[in-house]
């Protein structure tokens, strides 16, 4: 079974009446975004974007307003048509789908959760969640069973007969998530779903979403302008600027090895304690012994697994004057973290 669920290759979106001319000039002359606007009166929304998302992954796309992240996510189900490039979902070329096939993919394979959920105000919570199944022609009994199940997943038991106006903003957002899950989609597209909520409610919904992701293993494309949220939720993160992706990596890679000054500015104030791990900052055991001498006694040193984060290493370090020996597979000693290395890791490699 193919482990790649979403594939984008060389995707461009240029807005404007002369988008085709602008695209040809970009390919021929390598025009910058400002030059495209000046010569053709066209706006580059997405510029040569390529990435893939693996099954079960939460792939976060983050950037400032106007960076192109929301435009990008709307290409996945062809709410926006690309100017150029290849988009594949579950192995299917999205651009080759007929209208009926595209509608079926949207209804059966893709769940969408946006910042403003546009819940139907005249329908109960139960009927809002069941609406995608109603569109598919599912019988009422099944619609209500599925609605009840998904509402339970998001913690809204007992609110089935309420109307959206009777719910808080956070509860309405849970209804939106339940509605997206009701059709059991393979892919979730989430465009800043929690950004309008108060910080405490936002964190609660993030926690709930992470628990659901662990349980349901949905492949998710998650759009956010908040790096803290991207780091907290993402398996991997793509950072966008001016329609382009400037870096893709795990939260640890983004924080410890920013690709340029733009990314570096984003991550400079992020705490490294839960993001950086022993295997990243340790000195290989052989190198440490070569520098310290083969006779260096590590028998009194505490041990910690190589996937220990900095927070755990700090807890270990304050209990001992000795360096920490890092263990790998089978408990084998593989490296050493001295106090100097630990402090440098906390600083972020300054």
C-alpha atoms as a PDB file:
ATOM      1  CA  UNK A   1       0.000   0.000   0.000  1.00  0.00           C
ATOM      2  CA  UNK A   2       1.361   3.423  -1.000  1.00  0.00           C
ATOM      3  CA  UNK A   3       2.287   5.377   2.107  1.00  0.00           C
ATOM      4  CA  UNK A   4       2.029   8.734   0.298  1.00  0.00           C
ATOM      5  CA  UNK A   5      -1.468  10.228   0.504  1.00  0.00           C
ATOM      6  CA  UNK A   6      -0.914  13.778  -0.784  1.00  0.00           C
ATOM      7  CA  UNK A   7       1.554  14.749  -3.522  1.00  0.00           C
ATOM      8  CA  UNK A   8       2.210  18.185  -4.988  1.00  0.00           C
ATOM      9  CA  UNK A   9       4.791  18.795  -7.688  1.00  0.00           C
ATOM     10  CA  UNK A  10       5.626  22.204  -9.116  1.00  0.00           C
ATOM     11  CA  UNK A  11       2.262  23.773  -8.256  1.00  0.00           C
ATOM     12  CA  UNK A  12       1.740  27.408  -9.281  1.00  0.00           C
ATOM     13  CA  UNK A  13      -1.238  29.702  -8.893  1.00  0.00           C
ATOM     14  CA  UNK A  14      -1.189  33.078 -10.600  1.00  0.00           C
ATOM     15  CA  UNK A  15      -4.250  35.301 -10.251  1.00  0.00           C
ATOM     16  CA  UNK A  16      -5.197  37.716 -13.006  1.00  0.00           C
ATOM     17  CA  UNK A  17      -6.523  37.970 -16.542  1.00  0.00           C
ATOM     18  CA  UNK A  18      -3.040  37.458 -17.990  1.00  0.00           C
ATOM     19  CA  UNK A  19      -2.116  34.533 -15.738  1.00  0.00           C
ATOM     20  CA  UNK A  20      -1.238  32.288 -18.698  1.00  0.00           C
ATOM     21  CA  UNK A  21       1.168  34.839 -20.163  1.00  0.00           C
ATOM     22  CA  UNK A  22       2.667  35.451 -16.753  1.00  0.00           C
ATOM     23  CA  UNK A  23       3.191  31.721 -16.197  1.00  0.00           C
ATOM     24  CA  UNK A  24       4.965  31.365 -19.553  1.00  0.00           C
ATOM     25  CA  UNK A  25       7.206  34.325 -18.735  1.00  0.00           C
ATOM     26  CA  UNK A  26       7.999  32.939 -15.285  1.00  0.00           C
ATOM     27  CA  UNK A  27       9.131  29.654 -16.813  1.00  0.00           C
ATOM     28  CA  UNK A  28      11.097  31.325 -19.594  1.00  0.00           C
ATOM     29  CA  UNK A  29      12.658  34.191 -17.688  1.00  0.00           C
ATOM     30  CA  UNK A  30      12.417  33.264 -13.992  1.00  0.00           C
ATOM     31  CA  UNK A  31      10.505  36.422 -13.090  1.00  0.00           C
ATOM     32  CA  UNK A  32      10.140  37.415  -9.449  1.00  0.00           C
ATOM     33  CA  UNK A  33       6.736  37.986  -7.869  1.00  0.00           C
ATOM     34  CA  UNK A  34       7.113  41.779  -8.111  1.00  0.00           C
ATOM     35  CA  UNK A  35       8.060  41.558 -11.794  1.00  0.00           C
ATOM     36  CA  UNK A  36       4.988  39.442 -12.563  1.00  0.00           C
ATOM     37  CA  UNK A  37       2.788  42.078 -10.951  1.00  0.00           C
ATOM     38  CA  UNK A  38       4.500  44.946 -12.759  1.00  0.00           C
ATOM     39  CA  UNK A  39       4.502  43.388 -16.248  1.00  0.00           C
ATOM     40  CA  UNK A  40       1.234  41.458 -16.267  1.00  0.00           C
ATOM     41  CA  UNK A  41      -0.844  42.907 -13.450  1.00  0.00           C
ATOM     42  CA  UNK A  42      -1.004  39.374 -12.061  1.00  0.00           C
ATOM     43  CA  UNK A  43      -0.455  38.150  -8.513  1.00  0.00           C
ATOM     44  CA  UNK A  44       1.578  35.046  -7.698  1.00  0.00           C
ATOM     45  CA  UNK A  45      -0.320  33.189  -4.976  1.00  0.00           C
ATOM     46  CA  UNK A  46       1.577  29.889  -5.058  1.00  0.00           C
ATOM     47  CA  UNK A  47       5.072  29.541  -6.521  1.00  0.00           C
ATOM     48  CA  UNK A  48       6.521  26.165  -7.499  1.00  0.00           C
ATOM     49  CA  UNK A  49       5.331  24.255  -4.433  1.00  0.00           C
ATOM     50  CA  UNK A  50       6.287  20.582  -4.085  1.00  0.00           C
ATOM     51  CA  UNK A  51       5.855  18.260  -1.103  1.00  0.00           C
ATOM     52  CA  UNK A  52       4.214  15.005  -0.055  1.00  0.00           C
ATOM     53  CA  UNK A  53       2.291  13.933   3.033  1.00  0.00           C
ATOM     54  CA  UNK A  54       2.473  10.406   4.393  1.00  0.00           C
ATOM     55  CA  UNK A  55      -0.445   8.366   5.672  1.00  0.00           C
ATOM     56  CA  UNK A  56      -1.423   9.340   9.228  1.00  0.00           C
ATOM     57  CA  UNK A  57       0.822  12.403   9.266  1.00  0.00           C
ATOM     58  CA  UNK A  58      -0.204  15.836  10.556  1.00  0.00           C
ATOM     59  CA  UNK A  59       1.504  18.113   8.041  1.00  0.00           C
ATOM     60  CA  UNK A  60       1.372  21.722   9.210  1.00  0.00           C
ATOM     61  CA  UNK A  61       1.738  24.608   6.783  1.00  0.00           C
ATOM     62  CA  UNK A  62       2.468  27.880   8.506  1.00  0.00           C
ATOM     63  CA  UNK A  63       3.335  31.390   7.502  1.00  0.00           C
ATOM     64  CA  UNK A  64       2.295  34.997   7.909  1.00  0.00           C
ATOM     65  CA  UNK A  65      -0.918  36.390   6.407  1.00  0.00           C
ATOM     66  CA  UNK A  66      -0.561  36.549   2.632  1.00  0.00           C
ATOM     67  CA  UNK A  67       2.075  33.814   2.469  1.00  0.00           C
ATOM     68  CA  UNK A  68      -0.195  31.556   0.386  1.00  0.00           C
ATOM     69  CA  UNK A  69      -1.010  28.846   2.890  1.00  0.00           C
ATOM     70  CA  UNK A  70      -4.816  29.059   2.643  1.00  0.00           C
ATOM     71  CA  UNK A  71      -4.643  29.360  -1.131  1.00  0.00           C
ATOM     72  CA  UNK A  72      -2.534  26.213  -1.171  1.00  0.00           C
ATOM     73  CA  UNK A  73      -4.888  24.052   0.885  1.00  0.00           C
ATOM     74  CA  UNK A  74      -7.818  24.926  -1.388  1.00  0.00           C
ATOM     75  CA  UNK A  75      -5.974  23.381  -4.316  1.00  0.00           C
ATOM     76  CA  UNK A  76      -6.215  19.914  -2.790  1.00  0.00           C
ATOM     77  CA  UNK A  77      -9.928  19.608  -3.535  1.00  0.00           C
ATOM     78  CA  UNK A  78      -9.879  22.022  -6.467  1.00  0.00           C
ATOM     79  CA  UNK A  79     -11.784  24.811  -4.819  1.00  0.00           C
ATOM     80  CA  UNK A  80      -9.012  26.732  -6.570  1.00  0.00           C
ATOM     81  CA  UNK A  81      -7.624  25.563  -9.918  1.00  0.00           C
ATOM     82  CA  UNK A  82      -3.828  25.679 -10.218  1.00  0.00           C
ATOM     83  CA  UNK A  83      -2.140  27.540 -13.055  1.00  0.00           C
ATOM     84  CA  UNK A  84       0.439  24.760 -13.389  1.00  0.00           C
ATOM     85  CA  UNK A  85       1.661  21.657 -11.589  1.00  0.00           C
ATOM     86  CA  UNK A  86       0.550  18.202 -10.487  1.00  0.00           C
ATOM     87  CA  UNK A  87      -1.693  17.428  -7.510  1.00  0.00           C
ATOM     88  CA  UNK A  88      -2.379  13.847  -6.446  1.00  0.00           C
ATOM     89  CA  UNK A  89      -4.611  12.625  -3.661  1.00  0.00           C
ATOM     90  CA  UNK A  90      -4.619   8.936  -2.705  1.00  0.00           C
ATOM     91  CA  UNK A  91      -2.763   8.223  -5.932  1.00  0.00           C
ATOM     92  CA  UNK A  92      -5.340   9.975  -8.139  1.00  0.00           C
ATOM     93  CA  UNK A  93      -4.480  12.942 -10.321  1.00  0.00           C
ATOM     94  CA  UNK A  94      -6.930  15.518  -8.961  1.00  0.00           C
ATOM     95  CA  UNK A  95      -6.722  17.618 -12.125  1.00  0.00           C
ATOM     96  CA  UNK A  96      -7.876  14.718 -14.307  1.00  0.00           C
ATOM     97  CA  UNK A  97     -11.100  14.098 -12.370  1.00  0.00           C
ATOM     98  CA  UNK A  98     -14.427  14.755 -14.035  1.00  0.00           C
ATOM     99  CA  UNK A  99     -16.897  16.924 -12.122  1.00  0.00           C
ATOM    100  CA  UNK A 100     -18.838  13.914 -10.813  1.00  0.00           C
ATOM    101  CA  UNK A 101     -15.608  12.205  -9.705  1.00  0.00           C
ATOM    102  CA  UNK A 102     -14.439  15.381  -8.001  1.00  0.00           C
ATOM    103  CA  UNK A 103     -17.737  15.688  -6.108  1.00  0.00           C
ATOM    104  CA  UNK A 104     -17.430  12.055  -4.998  1.00  0.00           C
ATOM    105  CA  UNK A 105     -13.869  12.611  -3.785  1.00  0.00           C
ATOM    106  CA  UNK A 106     -14.907  15.700  -1.833  1.00  0.00           C
ATOM    107  CA  UNK A 107     -17.838  13.876  -0.268  1.00  0.00           C
ATOM    108  CA  UNK A 108     -16.116  10.594   0.574  1.00  0.00           C
ATOM    109  CA  UNK A 109     -12.362  11.132   0.821  1.00  0.00           C
ATOM    110  CA  UNK A 110     -11.909  14.676   2.172  1.00  0.00           C
ATOM    111  CA  UNK A 111     -13.113  16.318   5.378  1.00  0.00           C
ATOM    112  CA  UNK A 112     -12.780  20.072   5.731  1.00  0.00           C
ATOM    113  CA  UNK A 113     -12.578  22.188   8.885  1.00  0.00           C
ATOM    114  CA  UNK A 114     -12.273  25.965   8.608  1.00  0.00           C
ATOM    115  CA  UNK A 115     -11.947  28.882  11.002  1.00  0.00           C
ATOM    116  CA  UNK A 116     -15.583  29.830  10.397  1.00  0.00           C
ATOM    117  CA  UNK A 117     -17.559  26.621  10.244  1.00  0.00           C
ATOM    118  CA  UNK A 118     -20.757  28.002   8.657  1.00  0.00           C
ATOM    119  CA  UNK A 119     -22.931  25.609  10.631  1.00  0.00           C
ATOM    120  CA  UNK A 120     -26.533  25.539   9.424  1.00  0.00           C
ATOM    121  CA  UNK A 121     -28.356  27.671  12.027  1.00  0.00           C
ATOM    122  CA  UNK A 122     -31.781  26.064  11.522  1.00  0.00           C
ATOM    123  CA  UNK A 123     -30.442  22.529  12.029  1.00  0.00           C
ATOM    124  CA  UNK A 124     -29.662  20.821  15.310  1.00  0.00           C
ATOM    125  CA  UNK A 125     -26.155  19.762  16.203  1.00  0.00           C
ATOM    126  CA  UNK A 126     -27.037  16.191  15.266  1.00  0.00           C
ATOM    127  CA  UNK A 127     -28.374  17.231  11.853  1.00  0.00           C
ATOM    128  CA  UNK A 128     -25.387  19.489  11.171  1.00  0.00           C
ATOM    129  CA  UNK A 129     -23.008  16.608  11.779  1.00  0.00           C
ATOM    130  CA  UNK A 130     -25.139  14.222   9.715  1.00  0.00           C
ATOM    131  CA  UNK A 131     -25.440  16.631   6.786  1.00  0.00           C
ATOM    132  CA  UNK A 132     -22.572  15.170   4.677  1.00  0.00           C
ATOM    133  CA  UNK A 133     -24.169  11.725   4.960  1.00  0.00           C
ATOM    134  CA  UNK A 134     -27.530  13.172   3.969  1.00  0.00           C
ATOM    135  CA  UNK A 135     -25.940  14.591   0.821  1.00  0.00           C
ATOM    136  CA  UNK A 136     -24.636  11.091   0.065  1.00  0.00           C
ATOM    137  CA  UNK A 137     -28.132   9.635   0.436  1.00  0.00           C
ATOM    138  CA  UNK A 138     -27.445   7.605   3.580  1.00  0.00           C
ATOM    139  CA  UNK A 139     -30.597   6.446   5.448  1.00  0.00           C
ATOM    140  CA  UNK A 140     -31.650   8.482   8.476  1.00  0.00           C
ATOM    141  CA  UNK A 141     -30.903   5.721  10.995  1.00  0.00           C
ATOM    142  CA  UNK A 142     -27.307   5.423   9.859  1.00  0.00           C
ATOM    143  CA  UNK A 143     -26.903   9.210   9.720  1.00  0.00           C
ATOM    144  CA  UNK A 144     -27.995   9.535  13.330  1.00  0.00           C
ATOM    145  CA  UNK A 145     -25.824   6.634  14.490  1.00  0.00           C
ATOM    146  CA  UNK A 146     -22.740   8.132  12.854  1.00  0.00           C
ATOM    147  CA  UNK A 147     -23.600  11.593  14.150  1.00  0.00           C
ATOM    148  CA  UNK A 148     -23.918  10.264  17.693  1.00  0.00           C
ATOM    149  CA  UNK A 149     -20.601   8.438  17.433  1.00  0.00           C
ATOM    150  CA  UNK A 150     -18.643  11.422  16.104  1.00  0.00           C
ATOM    151  CA  UNK A 151     -20.185  13.782  18.635  1.00  0.00           C
ATOM    152  CA  UNK A 152     -19.012  11.395  21.342  1.00  0.00           C
ATOM    153  CA  UNK A 153     -15.518  11.491  19.874  1.00  0.00           C
ATOM    154  CA  UNK A 154     -15.376  15.270  20.249  1.00  0.00           C
ATOM    155  CA  UNK A 155     -16.972  15.317  23.699  1.00  0.00           C
ATOM    156  CA  UNK A 156     -20.408  16.668  22.828  1.00  0.00           C
ATOM    157  CA  UNK A 157     -22.634  13.940  24.225  1.00  0.00           C
ATOM    158  CA  UNK A 158     -25.872  15.491  25.398  1.00  0.00           C
ATOM    159  CA  UNK A 159     -25.796  18.410  22.960  1.00  0.00           C
ATOM    160  CA  UNK A 160     -27.301  16.585  19.989  1.00  0.00           C
ATOM    161  CA  UNK A 161     -30.573  18.529  19.993  1.00  0.00           C
ATOM    162  CA  UNK A 162     -29.098  21.963  20.617  1.00  0.00           C
ATOM    163  CA  UNK A 163     -28.768  24.549  17.868  1.00  0.00           C
ATOM    164  CA  UNK A 164     -25.473  26.253  16.934  1.00  0.00           C
ATOM    165  CA  UNK A 165     -26.554  29.551  18.541  1.00  0.00           C
ATOM    166  CA  UNK A 166     -26.786  27.738  21.891  1.00  0.00           C
ATOM    167  CA  UNK A 167     -23.135  26.655  21.806  1.00  0.00           C
ATOM    168  CA  UNK A 168     -19.902  28.449  22.627  1.00  0.00           C
ATOM    169  CA  UNK A 169     -17.343  29.136  19.914  1.00  0.00           C
ATOM    170  CA  UNK A 170     -15.227  26.178  20.992  1.00  0.00           C
ATOM    171  CA  UNK A 171     -18.219  23.851  20.988  1.00  0.00           C
ATOM    172  CA  UNK A 172     -19.237  25.032  17.528  1.00  0.00           C
ATOM    173  CA  UNK A 173     -15.743  24.249  16.327  1.00  0.00           C
ATOM    174  CA  UNK A 174     -16.080  20.737  17.750  1.00  0.00           C
ATOM    175  CA  UNK A 175     -19.325  20.334  15.811  1.00  0.00           C
ATOM    176  CA  UNK A 176     -17.419  21.338  12.683  1.00  0.00           C
ATOM    177  CA  UNK A 177     -14.751  18.743  13.394  1.00  0.00           C
ATOM    178  CA  UNK A 178     -17.401  16.089  14.040  1.00  0.00           C
ATOM    179  CA  UNK A 179     -19.071  16.988  10.744  1.00  0.00           C
ATOM    180  CA  UNK A 180     -15.772  16.581   8.916  1.00  0.00           C
ATOM    181  CA  UNK A 181     -15.204  13.188  10.556  1.00  0.00           C
ATOM    182  CA  UNK A 182     -18.744  11.916   9.941  1.00  0.00           C
ATOM    183  CA  UNK A 183     -18.035  10.735   6.398  1.00  0.00           C
ATOM    184  CA  UNK A 184     -14.894   8.901   7.614  1.00  0.00           C
ATOM    185  CA  UNK A 185     -12.596  10.737   5.187  1.00  0.00           C
ATOM    186  CA  UNK A 186      -9.060   9.648   4.385  1.00  0.00           C
ATOM    187  CA  UNK A 187      -7.815  13.245   4.488  1.00  0.00           C
ATOM    188  CA  UNK A 188      -8.610  16.198   6.740  1.00  0.00           C
ATOM    189  CA  UNK A 189      -7.995  19.721   5.429  1.00  0.00           C
ATOM    190  CA  UNK A 190      -7.941  22.154   8.365  1.00  0.00           C
ATOM    191  CA  UNK A 191      -7.516  25.872   7.694  1.00  0.00           C
ATOM    192  CA  UNK A 192      -6.770  27.746  10.933  1.00  0.00           C
ATOM    193  CA  UNK A 193      -9.629  25.975  12.710  1.00  0.00           C
ATOM    194  CA  UNK A 194      -8.729  27.193  16.207  1.00  0.00           C
ATOM    195  CA  UNK A 195      -7.321  30.665  15.523  1.00  0.00           C
ATOM    196  CA  UNK A 196     -10.460  32.610  16.490  1.00  0.00           C
ATOM    197  CA  UNK A 197     -10.743  30.959  19.906  1.00  0.00           C
ATOM    198  CA  UNK A 198      -9.544  32.098  23.319  1.00  0.00           C
ATOM    199  CA  UNK A 199      -6.107  30.688  24.265  1.00  0.00           C
ATOM    200  CA  UNK A 200      -7.398  28.257  26.896  1.00  0.00           C
ATOM    201  CA  UNK A 201     -10.158  26.864  24.640  1.00  0.00           C
ATOM    202  CA  UNK A 202      -7.698  26.719  21.777  1.00  0.00           C
ATOM    203  CA  UNK A 203      -5.279  24.592  23.773  1.00  0.00           C
ATOM    204  CA  UNK A 204      -8.090  22.297  24.890  1.00  0.00           C
ATOM    205  CA  UNK A 205      -9.139  21.742  21.285  1.00  0.00           C
ATOM    206  CA  UNK A 206      -5.543  21.162  20.248  1.00  0.00           C
ATOM    207  CA  UNK A 207      -5.284  18.491  22.935  1.00  0.00           C
ATOM    208  CA  UNK A 208      -8.525  16.899  21.777  1.00  0.00           C
ATOM    209  CA  UNK A 209      -7.438  16.968  18.147  1.00  0.00           C
ATOM    210  CA  UNK A 210      -4.113  15.309  18.990  1.00  0.00           C
ATOM    211  CA  UNK A 211      -5.942  12.576  20.914  1.00  0.00           C
ATOM    212  CA  UNK A 212      -8.310  12.034  17.980  1.00  0.00           C
ATOM    213  CA  UNK A 213      -5.399  11.910  15.549  1.00  0.00           C
ATOM    214  CA  UNK A 214      -3.720   9.255  17.662  1.00  0.00           C
ATOM    215  CA  UNK A 215      -6.943   7.270  17.709  1.00  0.00           C
ATOM    216  CA  UNK A 216      -8.138   7.691  14.112  1.00  0.00           C
ATOM    217  CA  UNK A 217      -4.829   8.061  12.202  1.00  0.00           C
ATOM    218  CA  UNK A 218      -6.258  10.574   9.744  1.00  0.00           C
ATOM    219  CA  UNK A 219      -3.884  12.183   7.281  1.00  0.00           C
ATOM    220  CA  UNK A 220      -4.149  15.904   7.994  1.00  0.00           C
ATOM    221  CA  UNK A 221      -3.069  19.079   6.234  1.00  0.00           C
ATOM    222  CA  UNK A 222      -3.241  21.730   8.967  1.00  0.00           C
ATOM    223  CA  UNK A 223      -2.916  25.433   8.160  1.00  0.00           C
ATOM    224  CA  UNK A 224      -1.868  27.873  10.879  1.00  0.00           C
ATOM    225  CA  UNK A 225      -0.113  31.215  11.300  1.00  0.00           C
ATOM    226  CA  UNK A 226       0.988  30.212  14.819  1.00  0.00           C
ATOM    227  CA  UNK A 227       4.371  28.479  15.055  1.00  0.00           C
ATOM    228  CA  UNK A 228       3.647  27.281  18.596  1.00  0.00           C
ATOM    229  CA  UNK A 229       0.547  25.506  17.278  1.00  0.00           C
ATOM    230  CA  UNK A 230       2.449  24.041  14.315  1.00  0.00           C
ATOM    231  CA  UNK A 231       5.209  22.736  16.580  1.00  0.00           C
ATOM    232  CA  UNK A 232       2.709  21.298  19.040  1.00  0.00           C
ATOM    233  CA  UNK A 233       0.605  19.490  16.447  1.00  0.00           C
ATOM    234  CA  UNK A 234       2.802  18.810  13.455  1.00  0.00           C
ATOM    235  CA  UNK A 235       4.611  15.653  12.496  1.00  0.00           C
ATOM    236  CA  UNK A 236       6.346  17.884   9.970  1.00  0.00           C
ATOM    237  CA  UNK A 237       6.091  21.604   9.265  1.00  0.00           C
ATOM    238  CA  UNK A 238       6.323  23.555   6.008  1.00  0.00           C
ATOM    239  CA  UNK A 239       7.032  27.274   6.352  1.00  0.00           C
ATOM    240  CA  UNK A 240       5.794  29.523   3.548  1.00  0.00           C
ATOM    241  CA  UNK A 241       6.808  32.999   2.444  1.00  0.00           C
ATOM    242  CA  UNK A 242       5.504  34.877  -0.603  1.00  0.00           C
ATOM    243  CA  UNK A 243       3.856  31.768  -2.014  1.00  0.00           C
ATOM    244  CA  UNK A 244       6.949  29.587  -1.709  1.00  0.00           C
ATOM    245  CA  UNK A 245       7.937  26.925   0.788  1.00  0.00           C
ATOM    246  CA  UNK A 246      11.222  27.927   2.368  1.00  0.00           C
ATOM    247  CA  UNK A 247      11.692  24.918   4.653  1.00  0.00           C
ATOM    248  CA  UNK A 248      10.117  21.555   5.451  1.00  0.00           C
ATOM    249  CA  UNK A 249      11.145  19.552   8.500  1.00  0.00           C
ATOM    250  CA  UNK A 250      10.216  18.059  11.828  1.00  0.00           C
ATOM    251  CA  UNK A 251       9.655  20.535  14.672  1.00  0.00           C
ATOM    252  CA  UNK A 252      13.120  19.671  15.972  1.00  0.00           C
ATOM    253  CA  UNK A 253      14.725  20.287  12.558  1.00  0.00           C
ATOM    254  CA  UNK A 254      12.920  23.594  12.096  1.00  0.00           C
ATOM    255  CA  UNK A 255      14.003  24.855  15.523  1.00  0.00           C
ATOM    256  CA  UNK A 256      17.586  23.583  15.549  1.00  0.00           C
ATOM    257  CA  UNK A 257      18.490  24.111  11.894  1.00  0.00           C
ATOM    258  CA  UNK A 258      16.493  26.997  10.372  1.00  0.00           C
ATOM    259  CA  UNK A 259      16.994  27.300   6.620  1.00  0.00           C
ATOM    260  CA  UNK A 260      17.367  31.090   6.524  1.00  0.00           C
ATOM    261  CA  UNK A 261      16.946  34.300   8.489  1.00  0.00           C
ATOM    262  CA  UNK A 262      13.183  34.301   7.858  1.00  0.00           C
ATOM    263  CA  UNK A 263      12.757  30.943   9.603  1.00  0.00           C
ATOM    264  CA  UNK A 264      15.336  31.864  12.225  1.00  0.00           C
ATOM    265  CA  UNK A 265      13.272  34.916  13.203  1.00  0.00           C
ATOM    266  CA  UNK A 266      10.224  32.680  13.604  1.00  0.00           C
ATOM    267  CA  UNK A 267      11.896  30.199  15.929  1.00  0.00           C
ATOM    268  CA  UNK A 268      14.213  32.400  17.985  1.00  0.00           C
ATOM    269  CA  UNK A 269      11.834  32.654  20.960  1.00  0.00           C
ATOM    270  CA  UNK A 270      10.608  29.038  20.910  1.00  0.00           C
ATOM    271  CA  UNK A 271      11.572  26.957  23.948  1.00  0.00           C
ATOM    272  CA  UNK A 272      13.776  24.020  22.969  1.00  0.00           C
ATOM    273  CA  UNK A 273      13.086  21.961  26.115  1.00  0.00           C
ATOM    274  CA  UNK A 274      10.400  19.707  24.597  1.00  0.00           C
ATOM    275  CA  UNK A 275      11.623  19.849  20.996  1.00  0.00           C
ATOM    276  CA  UNK A 276      15.297  18.891  21.035  1.00  0.00           C
ATOM    277  CA  UNK A 277      16.422  15.387  21.921  1.00  0.00           C
ATOM    278  CA  UNK A 278      19.500  13.687  23.283  1.00  0.00           C
ATOM    279  CA  UNK A 279      20.441  12.085  19.949  1.00  0.00           C
ATOM    280  CA  UNK A 280      20.750  15.592  18.451  1.00  0.00           C
ATOM    281  CA  UNK A 281      23.044  17.196  21.034  1.00  0.00           C
ATOM    282  CA  UNK A 282      25.059  14.198  22.279  1.00  0.00           C
ATOM    283  CA  UNK A 283      28.700  13.648  21.432  1.00  0.00           C
ATOM    284  CA  UNK A 284      29.287  10.139  20.016  1.00  0.00           C
ATOM    285  CA  UNK A 285      30.785   7.882  22.651  1.00  0.00           C
ATOM    286  CA  UNK A 286      33.898   7.149  20.577  1.00  0.00           C
ATOM    287  CA  UNK A 287      34.615  10.854  20.077  1.00  0.00           C
ATOM    288  CA  UNK A 288      34.107  11.604  23.741  1.00  0.00           C
ATOM    289  CA  UNK A 289      36.466   8.812  24.828  1.00  0.00           C
ATOM    290  CA  UNK A 290      39.057   9.871  22.265  1.00  0.00           C
ATOM    291  CA  UNK A 291      39.052  13.414  23.636  1.00  0.00           C
ATOM    292  CA  UNK A 292      38.758  12.506  27.320  1.00  0.00           C
ATOM    293  CA  UNK A 293      40.951   9.426  27.235  1.00  0.00           C
ATOM    294  CA  UNK A 294      39.983   5.763  27.001  1.00  0.00           C
ATOM    295  CA  UNK A 295      40.321   5.435  30.739  1.00  0.00           C
ATOM    296  CA  UNK A 296      37.601   8.021  31.380  1.00  0.00           C
ATOM    297  CA  UNK A 297      35.329   6.332  33.887  1.00  0.00           C
ATOM    298  CA  UNK A 298      31.620   6.668  33.068  1.00  0.00           C
ATOM    299  CA  UNK A 299      30.454   4.008  35.461  1.00  0.00           C
ATOM    300  CA  UNK A 300      28.940   6.575  37.837  1.00  0.00           C
ATOM    301  CA  UNK A 301      27.243   8.526  35.064  1.00  0.00           C
ATOM    302  CA  UNK A 302      23.448   8.310  34.834  1.00  0.00           C
ATOM    303  CA  UNK A 303      21.925   6.832  31.693  1.00  0.00           C
ATOM    304  CA  UNK A 304      19.133   8.307  29.542  1.00  0.00           C
ATOM    305  CA  UNK A 305      17.573   7.044  26.287  1.00  0.00           C
ATOM    306  CA  UNK A 306      18.475   8.801  23.056  1.00  0.00           C
ATOM    307  CA  UNK A 307      14.888  10.034  22.626  1.00  0.00           C
ATOM    308  CA  UNK A 308      15.007  11.958  25.926  1.00  0.00           C
ATOM    309  CA  UNK A 309      14.150  15.620  25.435  1.00  0.00           C
ATOM    310  CA  UNK A 310      16.118  18.488  26.950  1.00  0.00           C
ATOM    311  CA  UNK A 311      13.608  18.881  29.761  1.00  0.00           C
ATOM    312  CA  UNK A 312      14.260  15.331  30.924  1.00  0.00           C
ATOM    313  CA  UNK A 313      18.012  15.721  30.512  1.00  0.00           C
ATOM    314  CA  UNK A 314      17.937  18.818  32.737  1.00  0.00           C
ATOM    315  CA  UNK A 315      16.148  16.814  35.434  1.00  0.00           C
ATOM    316  CA  UNK A 316      18.838  14.133  35.215  1.00  0.00           C
ATOM    317  CA  UNK A 317      21.738  16.586  35.075  1.00  0.00           C
ATOM    318  CA  UNK A 318      20.855  18.436  38.273  1.00  0.00           C
ATOM    319  CA  UNK A 319      21.131  15.211  40.258  1.00  0.00           C
ATOM    320  CA  UNK A 320      24.756  14.463  39.321  1.00  0.00           C
ATOM    321  CA  UNK A 321      28.137  16.101  38.713  1.00  0.00           C
ATOM    322  CA  UNK A 322      28.844  13.556  35.954  1.00  0.00           C
ATOM    323  CA  UNK A 323      28.001  13.727  32.247  1.00  0.00           C
ATOM    324  CA  UNK A 324      24.935  11.799  31.071  1.00  0.00           C
ATOM    325  CA  UNK A 325      25.520   8.665  29.041  1.00  0.00           C
ATOM    326  CA  UNK A 326      22.979   8.273  26.242  1.00  0.00           C
ATOM    327  CA  UNK A 327      21.746   4.808  25.380  1.00  0.00           C
ATOM    328  CA  UNK A 328      20.440   3.513  22.070  1.00  0.00           C
ATOM    329  CA  UNK A 329      18.820   0.299  20.900  1.00  0.00           C
ATOM    330  CA  UNK A 330      19.150  -2.542  23.382  1.00  0.00           C
ATOM    331  CA  UNK A 331      20.446  -0.207  26.074  1.00  0.00           C
ATOM    332  CA  UNK A 332      23.838   0.156  24.371  1.00  0.00           C
ATOM    333  CA  UNK A 333      25.880   3.260  25.261  1.00  0.00           C
ATOM    334  CA  UNK A 334      26.057   5.469  22.161  1.00  0.00           C
ATOM    335  CA  UNK A 335      26.881   8.986  23.286  1.00  0.00           C
ATOM    336  CA  UNK A 336      27.522  11.488  26.049  1.00  0.00           C
ATOM    337  CA  UNK A 337      25.829  14.761  26.986  1.00  0.00           C
ATOM    338  CA  UNK A 338      28.004  17.024  29.102  1.00  0.00           C
ATOM    339  CA  UNK A 339      26.602  20.010  30.957  1.00  0.00           C
ATOM    340  CA  UNK A 340      28.154  22.297  28.339  1.00  0.00           C
ATOM    341  CA  UNK A 341      26.374  20.456  25.536  1.00  0.00           C
ATOM    342  CA  UNK A 342      23.123  20.524  27.452  1.00  0.00           C
ATOM    343  CA  UNK A 343      23.328  24.286  27.964  1.00  0.00           C
ATOM    344  CA  UNK A 344      24.186  24.821  24.303  1.00  0.00           C
ATOM    345  CA  UNK A 345      21.221  22.691  23.351  1.00  0.00           C
ATOM    346  CA  UNK A 346      18.929  24.845  25.466  1.00  0.00           C
ATOM    347  CA  UNK A 347      20.363  27.959  23.860  1.00  0.00           C
ATOM    348  CA  UNK A 348      19.681  26.489  20.442  1.00  0.00           C
ATOM    349  CA  UNK A 349      23.232  26.239  19.184  1.00  0.00           C
ATOM    350  CA  UNK A 350      24.275  29.867  19.664  1.00  0.00           C
END
